[in-house]
C-alpha atoms as a PDB file:
ATOM      1  CA  MET A   1    -123.454 149.257 -14.225  1.00  0.00           C
ATOM      2  CA  ALA A   2    -120.055 148.170 -12.872  1.00  0.00           C
ATOM      3  CA  LEU A   3    -119.523 147.714  -9.160  1.00  0.00           C
ATOM      4  CA  MET A   4    -117.129 149.985  -7.293  1.00  0.00           C
ATOM      5  CA  LYS A   5    -114.675 149.108  -4.570  1.00  0.00           C
ATOM      6  CA  GLY A   6    -116.148 149.905  -1.178  1.00  0.00           C
ATOM      7  CA  GLN A   7    -119.778 149.390  -2.178  1.00  0.00           C
ATOM      8  CA  ASN A   8    -121.629 147.325   0.419  1.00  0.00           C
ATOM      9  CA  ALA A   9    -125.052 145.998   1.324  1.00  0.00           C
ATOM     10  CA  CYS A  10    -126.632 144.262   4.308  1.00  0.00           C
ATOM     11  CA  PHE A  11    -129.419 141.843   5.133  1.00  0.00           C
ATOM     12  CA  SER A  12    -130.699 141.179   8.661  1.00  0.00           C
ATOM     13  CA  LYS A  13    -132.837 138.372  10.067  1.00  0.00           C
ATOM     14  CA  THR A  14    -133.692 136.960  13.482  1.00  0.00           C
ATOM     15  CA  VAL A  15    -133.083 133.207  13.609  1.00  0.00           C
ATOM     16  CA  THR A  16    -136.194 131.389  14.830  1.00  0.00           C
ATOM     17  CA  GLU A  17    -136.842 127.851  16.011  1.00  0.00           C
ATOM     18  CA  SER A  18    -138.865 127.175  12.864  1.00  0.00           C
ATOM     19  CA  ASP A  19    -135.884 128.292  10.746  1.00  0.00           C
ATOM     20  CA  VAL A  20    -133.696 125.673  12.439  1.00  0.00           C
ATOM     21  CA  TYR A  21    -136.258 122.879  12.081  1.00  0.00           C
ATOM     22  CA  GLY A  22    -136.955 123.863   8.485  1.00  0.00           C
ATOM     23  CA  PHE A  23    -133.262 123.836   7.603  1.00  0.00           C
ATOM     24  CA  ALA A  24    -132.848 120.437   9.274  1.00  0.00           C
ATOM     25  CA  GLY A  25    -135.758 119.078   7.245  1.00  0.00           C
ATOM     26  CA  ILE A  26    -134.419 120.410   3.952  1.00  0.00           C
ATOM     27  CA  THR A  27    -130.829 119.261   4.452  1.00  0.00           C
ATOM     28  CA  GLY A  28    -131.341 116.166   6.607  1.00  0.00           C
ATOM     29  CA  ASP A  29    -128.962 117.523   9.262  1.00  0.00           C
ATOM     30  CA  PHE A  30    -130.736 116.550  12.492  1.00  0.00           C
ATOM     31  CA  ASN A  31    -127.664 116.909  14.686  1.00  0.00           C
ATOM     32  CA  ARG A  32    -128.942 117.068  18.270  1.00  0.00           C
ATOM     33  CA  VAL A  33    -127.004 120.273  18.933  1.00  0.00           C
ATOM     34  CA  HIS A  34    -129.537 121.933  16.623  1.00  0.00           C
ATOM     35  CA  ILE A  35    -132.851 120.205  17.358  1.00  0.00           C
ATOM     36  CA  ASP A  36    -132.691 118.377  20.712  1.00  0.00           C
ATOM     37  CA  GLU A  37    -132.970 120.936  23.511  1.00  0.00           C
ATOM     38  CA  GLU A  38    -132.456 118.495  26.375  1.00  0.00           C
ATOM     39  CA  LYS A  39    -129.305 116.905  24.941  1.00  0.00           C
ATOM     40  CA  ALA A  40    -127.960 120.250  23.767  1.00  0.00           C
ATOM     41  CA  LYS A  41    -128.003 121.492  27.375  1.00  0.00           C
ATOM     42  CA  ASN A  42    -125.202 119.049  28.152  1.00  0.00           C
ATOM     43  CA  GLY A  43    -123.242 119.905  25.034  1.00  0.00           C
ATOM     44  CA  THR A  44    -120.463 122.369  24.266  1.00  0.00           C
ATOM     45  CA  PHE A  45    -122.701 125.441  24.097  1.00  0.00           C
ATOM     46  CA  GLY A  46    -125.222 124.589  26.808  1.00  0.00           C
ATOM     47  CA  GLU A  47    -128.160 125.154  24.455  1.00  0.00           C
ATOM     48  CA  ARG A  48    -129.251 124.619  20.875  1.00  0.00           C
ATOM     49  CA  ILE A  49    -127.507 126.539  18.121  1.00  0.00           C
ATOM     50  CA  ALA A  50    -128.403 127.177  14.498  1.00  0.00           C
ATOM     51  CA  HIS A  51    -126.725 125.291  11.679  1.00  0.00           C
ATOM     52  CA  GLY A  52    -123.615 127.082  10.494  1.00  0.00           C
ATOM     53  CA  PHE A  53    -124.735 126.956   6.886  1.00  0.00           C
ATOM     54  CA  LEU A  54    -128.148 128.353   7.774  1.00  0.00           C
ATOM     55  CA  THR A  55    -126.366 131.511   8.908  1.00  0.00           C
ATOM     56  CA  ALA A  56    -124.042 131.395   5.906  1.00  0.00           C
ATOM     57  CA  GLY A  57    -127.144 131.360   3.723  1.00  0.00           C
ATOM     58  CA  PHE A  58    -127.785 134.979   4.692  1.00  0.00           C
ATOM     59  CA  ILE A  59    -124.606 135.866   2.780  1.00  0.00           C
ATOM     60  CA  SER A  60    -126.188 134.274  -0.273  1.00  0.00           C
ATOM     61  CA  THR A  61    -129.206 136.534   0.246  1.00  0.00           C
ATOM     62  CA  VAL A  62    -127.048 139.666   0.227  1.00  0.00           C
ATOM     63  CA  LEU A  63    -125.138 138.584  -2.882  1.00  0.00           C
ATOM     64  CA  GLY A  64    -128.161 137.372  -4.793  1.00  0.00           C
ATOM     65  CA  MET A  65    -130.652 140.080  -3.862  1.00  0.00           C
ATOM     66  CA  TYR A  66    -128.748 143.264  -2.972  1.00  0.00           C
ATOM     67  CA  LEU A  67    -125.079 143.346  -3.973  1.00  0.00           C
ATOM     68  CA  PRO A  68    -124.427 142.632  -6.737  1.00  0.00           C
ATOM     69  CA  GLY A  69    -128.100 141.495  -6.955  1.00  0.00           C
ATOM     70  CA  PRO A  70    -130.280 139.256  -9.148  1.00  0.00           C
ATOM     71  CA  GLY A  71    -128.270 137.431 -11.784  1.00  0.00           C
ATOM     72  CA  THR A  72    -125.215 136.982  -9.549  1.00  0.00           C
ATOM     73  CA  ILE A  73    -123.343 133.690  -9.906  1.00  0.00           C
ATOM     74  CA  LEU A  74    -121.260 132.604  -6.910  1.00  0.00           C
ATOM     75  CA  LEU A  75    -117.891 131.246  -8.066  1.00  0.00           C
ATOM     76  CA  ASN A  76    -116.188 130.768  -4.718  1.00  0.00           C
ATOM     77  CA  GLN A  77    -116.957 131.355  -1.029  1.00  0.00           C
ATOM     78  CA  SER A  78    -114.653 130.974   1.963  1.00  0.00           C
ATOM     79  CA  LEU A  79    -116.191 130.766   5.441  1.00  0.00           C
ATOM     80  CA  ASN A  80    -114.664 131.067   8.911  1.00  0.00           C
ATOM     81  CA  PHE A  81    -117.097 130.196  11.709  1.00  0.00           C
ATOM     82  CA  LYS A  82    -116.183 132.401  14.669  1.00  0.00           C
ATOM     83  CA  ARG A  83    -119.080 132.106  17.138  1.00  0.00           C
ATOM     84  CA  PRO A  84    -122.225 130.021  17.527  1.00  0.00           C
ATOM     85  CA  VAL A  85    -125.575 131.484  16.509  1.00  0.00           C
ATOM     86  CA  LYS A  86    -128.350 130.858  19.010  1.00  0.00           C
ATOM     87  CA  ILE A  87    -132.072 130.750  18.412  1.00  0.00           C
ATOM     88  CA  GLY A  88    -133.327 134.322  18.806  1.00  0.00           C
ATOM     89  CA  ASP A  89    -130.092 135.964  17.632  1.00  0.00           C
ATOM     90  CA  THR A  90    -130.464 138.696  15.020  1.00  0.00           C
ATOM     91  CA  ILE A  91    -127.851 138.241  12.322  1.00  0.00           C
ATOM     92  CA  THR A  92    -126.738 140.913   9.881  1.00  0.00           C
ATOM     93  CA  ALA A  93    -124.926 139.691   6.785  1.00  0.00           C
ATOM     94  CA  LYS A  94    -122.824 142.295   4.989  1.00  0.00           C
ATOM     95  CA  ALA A  95    -120.991 142.110   1.679  1.00  0.00           C
ATOM     96  CA  THR A  96    -118.409 144.712   0.629  1.00  0.00           C
ATOM     97  CA  VAL A  97    -116.682 144.936  -2.738  1.00  0.00           C
ATOM     98  CA  MET A  98    -112.965 144.402  -2.067  1.00  0.00           C
ATOM     99  CA  GLU A  99    -111.525 144.108  -5.546  1.00  0.00           C
ATOM    100  CA  VAL A 100    -112.531 144.261  -9.192  1.00  0.00           C
ATOM    101  CA  LEU A 101    -110.876 141.118 -10.567  1.00  0.00           C
ATOM    102  CA  LYS A 102    -112.038 141.219 -14.201  1.00  0.00           C
ATOM    103  CA  GLU A 103    -114.242 144.205 -14.938  1.00  0.00           C
ATOM    104  CA  ASP A 104    -114.892 143.175 -18.555  1.00  0.00           C
ATOM    105  CA  GLU A 105    -116.207 139.790 -17.355  1.00  0.00           C
ATOM    106  CA  GLY A 106    -117.996 141.155 -14.290  1.00  0.00           C
ATOM    107  CA  ILE A 107    -115.920 139.188 -11.766  1.00  0.00           C
ATOM    108  CA  TYR A 108    -115.540 140.696  -8.294  1.00  0.00           C
ATOM    109  CA  LYS A 109    -114.153 139.737  -4.895  1.00  0.00           C
ATOM    110  CA  LEU A 110    -116.262 140.694  -1.867  1.00  0.00           C
ATOM    111  CA  GLU A 111    -115.651 140.580   1.857  1.00  0.00           C
ATOM    112  CA  THR A 112    -118.522 138.741   3.556  1.00  0.00           C
ATOM    113  CA  VAL A 113    -119.248 139.110   7.276  1.00  0.00           C
ATOM    114  CA  CYS A 114    -122.112 138.032   9.526  1.00  0.00           C
ATOM    115  CA  THR A 115    -122.517 139.715  12.926  1.00  0.00           C
ATOM    116  CA  ASN A 116    -125.008 139.208  15.754  1.00  0.00           C
ATOM    117  CA  GLN A 117    -127.031 141.811  17.646  1.00  0.00           C
ATOM    118  CA  PHE A 118    -123.987 142.575  19.801  1.00  0.00           C
ATOM    119  CA  GLN A 119    -121.904 143.360  16.698  1.00  0.00           C
ATOM    120  CA  GLU A 120    -119.850 140.211  17.290  1.00  0.00           C
ATOM    121  CA  VAL A 121    -118.564 138.469  14.157  1.00  0.00           C
ATOM    122  CA  VAL A 122    -120.057 134.988  13.825  1.00  0.00           C
ATOM    123  CA  ILE A 123    -118.848 134.268  10.272  1.00  0.00           C
ATOM    124  CA  ASP A 124    -116.364 135.970   7.997  1.00  0.00           C
ATOM    125  CA  GLY A 125    -114.829 135.135   4.664  1.00  0.00           C
ATOM    126  CA  GLU A 126    -114.591 136.174   1.028  1.00  0.00           C
ATOM    127  CA  ALA A 127    -116.724 135.582  -2.040  1.00  0.00           C
ATOM    128  CA  VAL A 128    -115.869 135.684  -5.719  1.00  0.00           C
ATOM    129  CA  VAL A 129    -118.867 136.349  -7.946  1.00  0.00           C
ATOM    130  CA  LYS A 130    -119.675 136.819 -11.599  1.00  0.00           C
ATOM    131  CA  TYR A 131    -122.178 139.552 -12.304  1.00  0.00           C
ATOM    132  CA  ALA A 132    -123.549 140.688 -15.640  1.00  0.00           C
ATOM    133  CA  GLY A 133    -124.029 144.285 -14.536  1.00  0.00           C
ATOM    134  CA  GLU A 134    -127.810 144.506 -14.331  1.00  0.00           C
ATOM    135  CA  LEU A 135    -128.956 145.722 -10.960  1.00  0.00           C
ATOM    136  CA  ARG A 136    -132.590 145.284 -10.001  1.00  0.00           C
ATOM    137  CA  ALA A 137    -134.988 146.679 -12.576  1.00  0.00           C
ATOM    138  CA  GLN A 138    -137.291 149.394 -11.263  1.00  0.00           C
ATOM    139  CA  ASP A 139    -140.870 150.161 -12.281  1.00  0.00           C
ATOM    140  CA  THR A 140    -139.466 152.855 -14.545  1.00  0.00           C
ATOM    141  CA  GLY A 141    -137.762 150.170 -16.610  1.00  0.00           C
ATOM    142  CA  ARG A 142    -134.303 151.298 -15.488  1.00  0.00           C
ATOM    143  CA  THR A 143    -131.691 148.681 -14.611  1.00  0.00           C
ATOM    144  CA  ASP A 144    -129.566 150.951 -12.393  1.00  0.00           C
ATOM    145  CA  THR A 145    -130.608 151.062  -8.742  1.00  0.00           C
ATOM    146  CA  PHE A 146    -129.010 154.399  -7.865  1.00  0.00           C
ATOM    147  CA  TYR A 147    -129.361 157.903  -9.241  1.00  0.00           C
ATOM    148  CA  SER A 148    -126.615 158.917 -11.633  1.00  0.00           C
ATOM    149  CA  SER A 149    -124.275 161.802 -10.749  1.00  0.00           C
ATOM    150  CA  GLN A 150    -126.164 164.079 -13.102  1.00  0.00           C
ATOM    151  CA  GLU A 151    -129.505 163.093 -11.587  1.00  0.00           C
ATOM    152  CA  LEU A 152    -128.205 163.753  -8.085  1.00  0.00           C
ATOM    153  CA  LYS A 153    -127.474 167.333  -9.123  1.00  0.00           C
ATOM    154  CA  SER A 154    -131.070 167.733 -10.257  1.00  0.00           C
ATOM    155  CA  LEU A 155    -132.539 166.630  -6.897  1.00  0.00           C
ATOM    156  CA  GLY A 156    -131.871 170.031  -5.332  1.00  0.00           C
ATOM    157  CA  LEU A 157    -129.849 168.753  -2.381  1.00  0.00           C
ATOM    158  CA  LYS A 158    -128.362 171.403  -0.081  1.00  0.00           C
ATOM    159  CA  ARG A 159    -124.957 169.712  -0.394  1.00  0.00           C
ATOM    160  CA  CYS A 160    -123.772 166.535  -2.103  1.00  0.00           C
ATOM    161  CA  GLY A 161    -120.211 165.205  -2.029  1.00  0.00           C
ATOM    162  CA  LYS A 162    -118.422 162.630  -4.151  1.00  0.00           C
ATOM    163  CA  ASN A 163    -119.164 158.910  -4.497  1.00  0.00           C
ATOM    164  CA  VAL A 164    -122.768 159.255  -3.308  1.00  0.00           C
ATOM    165  CA  PHE A 165    -125.329 156.518  -3.974  1.00  0.00           C
ATOM    166  CA  ILE A 166    -129.030 157.203  -3.365  1.00  0.00           C
ATOM    167  CA  SER A 167    -131.583 154.579  -4.322  1.00  0.00           C
ATOM    168  CA  ARG A 168    -134.305 155.584  -6.747  1.00  0.00           C
ATOM    169  CA  ASN A 169    -136.713 153.952  -4.273  1.00  0.00           C
ATOM    170  CA  ALA A 170    -135.703 156.249  -1.394  1.00  0.00           C
ATOM    171  CA  VAL A 171    -138.181 158.991  -0.470  1.00  0.00           C
ATOM    172  CA  LEU A 172    -136.643 162.452   0.018  1.00  0.00           C
ATOM    173  CA  TYR A 173    -138.933 165.073   1.526  1.00  0.00           C
ATOM    174  CA  HIS A 174    -137.468 168.603   1.413  1.00  0.00           C
ATOM    175  CA  PRO A 175    -134.181 167.611  -0.310  1.00  0.00           C
ATOM    176  CA  GLU A 176    -133.077 171.248   0.049  1.00  0.00           C
ATOM    177  CA  GLN A 177    -132.469 170.426   3.767  1.00  0.00           C
ATOM    178  CA  LEU A 178    -130.360 167.326   3.080  1.00  0.00           C
ATOM    179  CA  GLU A 179    -126.563 167.682   3.328  1.00  0.00           C
ATOM    180  CA  ILE A 180    -124.396 164.746   2.223  1.00  0.00           C
ATOM    181  CA  GLY A 181    -120.630 164.302   2.451  1.00  0.00           C
ATOM    182  CA  ASN A 182    -118.389 161.905   0.511  1.00  0.00           C
ATOM    183  CA  ASN A 183    -118.815 158.135   0.207  1.00  0.00           C
ATOM    184  CA  VAL A 184    -122.439 157.916   1.307  1.00  0.00           C
ATOM    185  CA  ARG A 185    -125.062 155.316   0.428  1.00  0.00           C
ATOM    186  CA  ILE A 186    -128.829 155.470   1.079  1.00  0.00           C
ATOM    187  CA  ASP A 187    -130.633 152.238   0.229  1.00  0.00           C
ATOM    188  CA  ASP A 188    -134.114 151.267  -0.967  1.00  0.00           C
ATOM    189  CA  PHE A 189    -137.361 152.348   0.697  1.00  0.00           C
ATOM    190  CA  THR A 190    -135.710 154.713   3.165  1.00  0.00           C
ATOM    191  CA  THR A 191    -137.573 157.908   4.072  1.00  0.00           C
ATOM    192  CA  ILE A 192    -135.575 161.108   4.645  1.00  0.00           C
ATOM    193  CA  SER A 193    -137.555 164.050   6.034  1.00  0.00           C
ATOM    194  CA  GLY A 194    -136.579 167.416   7.484  1.00  0.00           C
ATOM    195  CA  LYS A 195    -133.086 168.606   8.315  1.00  0.00           C
ATOM    196  CA  ILE A 196    -130.539 165.807   7.839  1.00  0.00           C
ATOM    197  CA  VAL A 197    -126.744 166.231   7.815  1.00  0.00           C
ATOM    198  CA  LEU A 198    -124.601 163.251   6.794  1.00  0.00           C
ATOM    199  CA  GLY A 199    -120.811 163.170   7.078  1.00  0.00           C
ATOM    200  CA  ASP A 200    -118.362 160.979   5.136  1.00  0.00           C
ATOM    201  CA  TYR A 201    -118.489 157.174   4.819  1.00  0.00           C
ATOM    202  CA  ILE A 202    -122.121 156.805   5.848  1.00  0.00           C
ATOM    203  CA  HIS A 203    -124.442 153.887   5.129  1.00  0.00           C
ATOM    204  CA  ILE A 204    -128.212 153.954   5.651  1.00  0.00           C
ATOM    205  CA  ALA A 205    -129.721 150.538   4.937  1.00  0.00           C
ATOM    206  CA  GLN A 206    -133.142 149.564   3.569  1.00  0.00           C
ATOM    207  CA  PHE A 207    -136.470 150.628   5.096  1.00  0.00           C
ATOM    208  CA  CYS A 208    -135.013 153.230   7.482  1.00  0.00           C
ATOM    209  CA  GLY A 209    -136.825 156.386   8.531  1.00  0.00           C
ATOM    210  CA  LEU A 210    -135.023 159.628   9.447  1.00  0.00           C
ATOM    211  CA  TYR A 211    -137.366 162.382  10.612  1.00  0.00           C
ATOM    212  CA  GLY A 212    -135.226 165.431  11.308  1.00  0.00           C
ATOM    213  CA  GLY A 213    -137.877 168.120  11.679  1.00  0.00           C
ATOM    214  CA  SER A 214    -136.442 171.600  12.182  1.00  0.00           C
ATOM    215  CA  GLU A 215    -133.712 170.623  14.702  1.00  0.00           C
ATOM    216  CA  GLY A 216    -132.087 167.948  12.614  1.00  0.00           C
ATOM    217  CA  ILE A 217    -130.445 164.530  12.614  1.00  0.00           C
ATOM    218  CA  PHE A 218    -126.643 164.534  12.363  1.00  0.00           C
ATOM    219  CA  MET A 219    -124.667 161.426  11.380  1.00  0.00           C
ATOM    220  CA  ASP A 220    -120.932 161.959  11.751  1.00  0.00           C
ATOM    221  CA  ASP A 221    -118.188 160.239   9.713  1.00  0.00           C
ATOM    222  CA  PHE A 222    -118.185 156.425   9.625  1.00  0.00           C
ATOM    223  CA  SER A 223    -121.557 156.090  11.325  1.00  0.00           C
ATOM    224  CA  GLY A 224    -124.216 153.790   9.952  1.00  0.00           C
ATOM    225  CA  ILE A 225    -127.651 152.352  10.577  1.00  0.00           C
ATOM    226  CA  SER A 226    -128.926 148.907   9.651  1.00  0.00           C
ATOM    227  CA  SER A 227    -132.293 148.119   8.072  1.00  0.00           C
ATOM    228  CA  LYS A 228    -135.562 149.350   9.603  1.00  0.00           C
ATOM    229  CA  VAL A 229    -133.922 151.799  12.030  1.00  0.00           C
ATOM    230  CA  THR A 230    -136.096 154.818  12.827  1.00  0.00           C
ATOM    231  CA  ILE A 231    -134.724 158.121  14.156  1.00  0.00           C
ATOM    232  CA  TYR A 232    -136.976 160.930  15.377  1.00  0.00           C
ATOM    233  CA  ALA A 233    -135.761 164.461  16.066  1.00  0.00           C
ATOM    234  CA  THR A 234    -139.375 165.460  16.590  1.00  0.00           C
ATOM    235  CA  SER A 235    -142.163 163.578  18.363  1.00  0.00           C
ATOM    236  CA  ASN A 236    -145.070 163.899  20.803  1.00  0.00           C
ATOM    237  CA  ASP A 237    -144.924 162.596  24.382  1.00  0.00           C
ATOM    238  CA  TYR A 238    -148.211 160.676  23.936  1.00  0.00           C
ATOM    239  CA  SER A 239    -149.325 161.753  27.406  1.00  0.00           C
ATOM    240  CA  GLY A 240    -152.759 162.777  26.191  1.00  0.00           C
ATOM    241  CA  ASN A 241    -152.162 166.381  27.214  1.00  0.00           C
ATOM    242  CA  SER A 242    -152.126 167.470  23.589  1.00  0.00           C
ATOM    243  CA  MET A 243    -153.097 166.169  20.193  1.00  0.00           C
ATOM    244  CA  THR A 244    -150.665 164.209  18.026  1.00  0.00           C
ATOM    245  CA  ASN A 245    -151.910 164.016  14.446  1.00  0.00           C
ATOM    246  CA  PRO A 246    -149.567 165.810  12.015  1.00  0.00           C
ATOM    247  CA  MET A 247    -152.614 167.284  10.295  1.00  0.00           C
ATOM    248  CA  VAL A 248    -153.627 169.070  13.533  1.00  0.00           C
ATOM    249  CA  PRO A 249    -152.477 172.737  13.917  1.00  0.00           C
ATOM    250  CA  ALA A 250    -149.390 173.212  16.102  1.00  0.00           C
ATOM    251  CA  LYS A 251    -151.254 175.117  18.826  1.00  0.00           C
ATOM    252  CA  TYR A 252    -153.098 171.914  19.722  1.00  0.00           C
ATOM    253  CA  LYS A 253    -149.864 169.907  20.018  1.00  0.00           C
ATOM    254  CA  THR A 254    -148.177 171.674  22.926  1.00  0.00           C
ATOM    255  CA  THR A 255    -146.280 168.610  24.163  1.00  0.00           C
ATOM    256  CA  ASP A 256    -144.442 168.042  20.895  1.00  0.00           C
ATOM    257  CA  LYS A 257    -140.716 167.674  21.461  1.00  0.00           C
ATOM    258  CA  SER A 258    -138.131 168.742  18.879  1.00  0.00           C
ATOM    259  CA  GLU A 259    -134.459 168.204  19.726  1.00  0.00           C
ATOM    260  CA  ALA A 260    -131.503 167.344  17.530  1.00  0.00           C
ATOM    261  CA  VAL A 261    -130.239 163.766  17.353  1.00  0.00           C
ATOM    262  CA  ARG A 262    -126.566 163.028  16.758  1.00  0.00           C
ATOM    263  CA  LEU A 263    -124.793 159.799  15.908  1.00  0.00           C
ATOM    264  CA  CYS A 264    -121.120 160.549  16.485  1.00  0.00           C
ATOM    265  CA  ARG A 265    -118.157 159.035  14.638  1.00  0.00           C
ATOM    266  CA  HIS A 266    -118.070 155.250  14.273  1.00  0.00           C
ATOM    267  CA  VAL A 267    -121.513 154.763  15.788  1.00  0.00           C
ATOM    268  CA  VAL A 268    -123.475 151.828  14.371  1.00  0.00           C
ATOM    269  CA  VAL A 269    -127.127 151.029  15.094  1.00  0.00           C
ATOM    270  CA  GLY A 270    -128.630 147.564  14.642  1.00  0.00           C
ATOM    271  CA  SER A 271    -131.757 146.584  12.731  1.00  0.00           C
ATOM    272  CA  GLY A 272    -135.162 147.636  14.015  1.00  0.00           C
ATOM    273  CA  SER A 273    -133.886 150.088  16.636  1.00  0.00           C
ATOM    274  CA  VAL A 274    -135.609 153.363  17.507  1.00  0.00           C
ATOM    275  CA  ILE A 275    -133.860 156.605  18.532  1.00  0.00           C
ATOM    276  CA  LEU A 276    -135.909 159.399  20.115  1.00  0.00           C
ATOM    277  CA  PRO A 277    -135.483 163.213  20.108  1.00  0.00           C
ATOM    278  CA  GLY A 278    -132.534 164.732  21.956  1.00  0.00           C
ATOM    279  CA  VAL A 279    -130.417 161.578  21.963  1.00  0.00           C
ATOM    280  CA  THR A 280    -126.675 161.740  21.303  1.00  0.00           C
ATOM    281  CA  ILE A 281    -124.831 158.460  20.822  1.00  0.00           C
ATOM    282  CA  LYS A 282    -121.223 159.312  21.497  1.00  0.00           C
ATOM    283  CA  GLU A 283    -118.182 158.198  19.504  1.00  0.00           C
ATOM    284  CA  GLY A 284    -117.609 154.540  18.837  1.00  0.00           C
ATOM    285  CA  SER A 285    -120.679 153.071  20.489  1.00  0.00           C
ATOM    286  CA  SER A 286    -122.800 150.330  18.928  1.00  0.00           C
ATOM    287  CA  VAL A 287    -126.474 149.641  19.517  1.00  0.00           C
ATOM    288  CA  GLY A 288    -127.846 146.118  19.127  1.00  0.00           C
ATOM    289  CA  ALA A 289    -130.896 145.230  17.070  1.00  0.00           C
ATOM    290  CA  MET A 290    -134.399 146.073  18.342  1.00  0.00           C
ATOM    291  CA  SER A 291    -133.120 148.566  20.914  1.00  0.00           C
ATOM    292  CA  LEU A 292    -134.842 151.718  22.167  1.00  0.00           C
ATOM    293  CA  CYS A 293    -132.661 154.780  22.754  1.00  0.00           C
ATOM    294  CA  GLY A 294    -134.536 157.409  24.732  1.00  0.00           C
ATOM    295  CA  LYS A 295    -131.460 158.805  26.486  1.00  0.00           C
ATOM    296  CA  SER A 296    -127.958 159.678  25.310  1.00  0.00           C
ATOM    297  CA  LEU A 297    -125.314 156.942  25.328  1.00  0.00           C
ATOM    298  CA  ASP A 298    -121.674 157.295  26.371  1.00  0.00           C
ATOM    299  CA  ALA A 299    -118.711 156.613  24.092  1.00  0.00           C
ATOM    300  CA  TRP A 300    -117.200 153.256  23.147  1.00  0.00           C
ATOM    301  CA  GLY A 301    -119.844 150.992  24.589  1.00  0.00           C
ATOM    302  CA  VAL A 302    -121.889 148.083  23.269  1.00  0.00           C
ATOM    303  CA  TYR A 303    -125.547 148.782  24.072  1.00  0.00           C
ATOM    304  CA  ALA A 304    -128.737 146.776  23.590  1.00  0.00           C
ATOM    305  CA  GLY A 305    -132.246 146.468  24.960  1.00  0.00           C
ATOM    306  CA  ALA A 306    -135.386 148.536  25.494  1.00  0.00           C
ATOM    307  CA  PRO A 307    -134.298 150.813  26.990  1.00  0.00           C
ATOM    308  CA  ALA A 308    -130.740 150.431  25.695  1.00  0.00           C
ATOM    309  CA  LYS A 309    -128.227 149.497  28.397  1.00  0.00           C
ATOM    310  CA  ARG A 310    -124.446 149.315  28.290  1.00  0.00           C
ATOM    311  CA  LEU A 311    -123.296 145.694  28.087  1.00  0.00           C
ATOM    312  CA  LYS A 312    -119.535 146.032  27.624  1.00  0.00           C
ATOM    313  CA  GLU A 313    -116.744 148.110  26.126  1.00  0.00           C
ATOM    314  CA  ARG A 314    -116.354 148.321  22.356  1.00  0.00           C
ATOM    315  CA  SER A 315    -112.953 147.836  20.750  1.00  0.00           C
ATOM    316  CA  LYS A 316    -111.146 150.908  19.410  1.00  0.00           C
ATOM    317  CA  LYS A 317    -109.235 148.931  16.798  1.00  0.00           C
ATOM    318  CA  LEU A 318    -111.362 150.519  14.107  1.00  0.00           C
ATOM    319  CA  LEU A 319    -109.568 153.822  14.773  1.00  0.00           C
ATOM    320  CA  GLN A 320    -106.383 152.196  13.478  1.00  0.00           C
ATOM    321  CA  LEU A 321    -108.289 151.071  10.389  1.00  0.00           C
ATOM    322  CA  GLU A 322    -109.564 154.595   9.882  1.00  0.00           C
ATOM    323  CA  ARG A 323    -106.013 155.950   9.959  1.00  0.00           C
ATOM    324  CA  ARG A 324    -104.973 153.411   7.322  1.00  0.00           C
ATOM    325  CA  LEU A 325    -107.926 154.398   5.138  1.00  0.00           C
ATOM    326  CA  ARG A 326    -107.127 158.096   5.535  1.00  0.00           C
ATOM    327  CA  ASP A 327    -103.500 157.422   4.618  1.00  0.00           C
ATOM    328  CA  HIS A 328    -104.706 155.621   1.523  1.00  0.00           C
ATOM    329  CA  GLU A 329    -106.913 158.586   0.668  1.00  0.00           C
ATOM    330  CA  ALA A 330    -104.017 161.003   1.052  1.00  0.00           C
ATOM    331  CA  ALA A 331    -101.769 158.849  -1.131  1.00  0.00           C
ATOM    332  CA  ALA A 332    -104.490 158.756  -3.776  1.00  0.00           C
ATOM    333  CA  GLY A 333    -104.818 162.526  -3.705  1.00  0.00           C
ATOM    334  CA  GLY A 334    -108.023 162.742  -1.676  1.00  0.00           C
ATOM    335  CA  GLY A 335    -111.537 162.592  -3.013  1.00  0.00           C
ATOM    336  CA  GLY A 336    -112.555 159.356  -1.377  1.00  0.00           C
ATOM    337  CA  TYR A 337    -111.535 155.751  -1.210  1.00  0.00           C
ATOM    338  CA  SER A 338    -111.192 153.831  -4.422  1.00  0.00           C
END
């Protein structure tokens, strides 16, 4: 299965003290800025930081395990180190197919970016890989990770646009309530339940849970959620004033709350975050990893924490990039980016 321009995948991990010590032991790099807390306090960063190539290793994980996947051979990798990574930072490595260099030989160029929990770029660069075309084999014996176009039609989705990738390992309850626009990807081990409406250019990473109930979860164009994000449009208040088990009849669950959740355009949510019923995250805002969103968030902010709090303004440069992409679409005659 050949890769397509625009395909992307992510991997997230929190950098721990043991990671830093382990990397130092493997490589022999015992630079005090990494392992000596007292001396690092008087250094450039005022505290210990992780090895740059420890963080860069997460890019290798994405390339070797997710995109393209097992069997990938790295031919070239450029790295620009933008910011230090501190112990406790959650790093998300993302690879995006930029260019098909030699399709017959399986050679591709990918953009590689690592960001922290505040969506700040810590490393960027480009990779050139050779890939034989076999994505991860499934228990069914198939070598293609995603449903084919014909198979998507057989799932009974309420609406399905063009250039849609849904993992065979995703769980779709009530697919007749799932609406999908163009250029959408749903990765492995994600659970989709209830009313879900996805716009264009949407990415839902591995191990996510979207529980839309009857009111629904709405993800507008260019929004995305990282791995292990959970969104509830229906939940109980856990006050003890009613029962909670889903097997209990509704009349015994009087404190259940069902309200629509909306992620507006260009919203991105970091790994491990939880979004509760009734929340709207307005245009352009980002939510850091491991955050709890129990109330709606205003536009164009960087939020993090439990509960999520606004830390700073988010750049609107991505709106310029969207216009360029849309212009490219128009020039290509519509139908998605290629």
